[in-house]
């Protein structure tokens, strides 16, 4: 997959405009409470098929969301990582993986198209491989940080004062 989705973003916007669908520039809908059906972007990464499915289903509005990577995410992750009790080698491995992501600053890392049909959100979520890797790293750090918050030396007792 391309390391940058900027060119594809422009192509998708143009295609949507030509398709006759109204384009609504919205936030990510991946975490909405409505039942969501995800398009299989691994097997079918072609956005035109998704748009065609939307049109066939009678959709008139397509929600378009893009995510641009900001290197501040790396800074935040490194701060969280510093709070973890990691061996020096493990810390350095995380640090190297994270700092390697800085080169993608300003790149479009995810494109999401969605439409509503019969009470469900149909979602096309295309991400770069490097952004998937970053997400995995951030998830690992989240687990490590939650482990330090659940300190067994406290015995489960705390004061509500």
Foldseek 3Di string as FASTA:
>chain_A
DDQFCVVVVVVVVVVCVVVQAAEAADEDCPPPPFAEDEDPCVVPVDVVVVVVVCVVLPFRYKYKYWDFDALVVLVVLLVLLVPFPDDPVVNVVLNVLSVVCNVRHGGTFWMKIWTDHPRYIYIYIDGDPSVVVVVVSSVVSVVRSVVVVVDCVVVPDDDPD
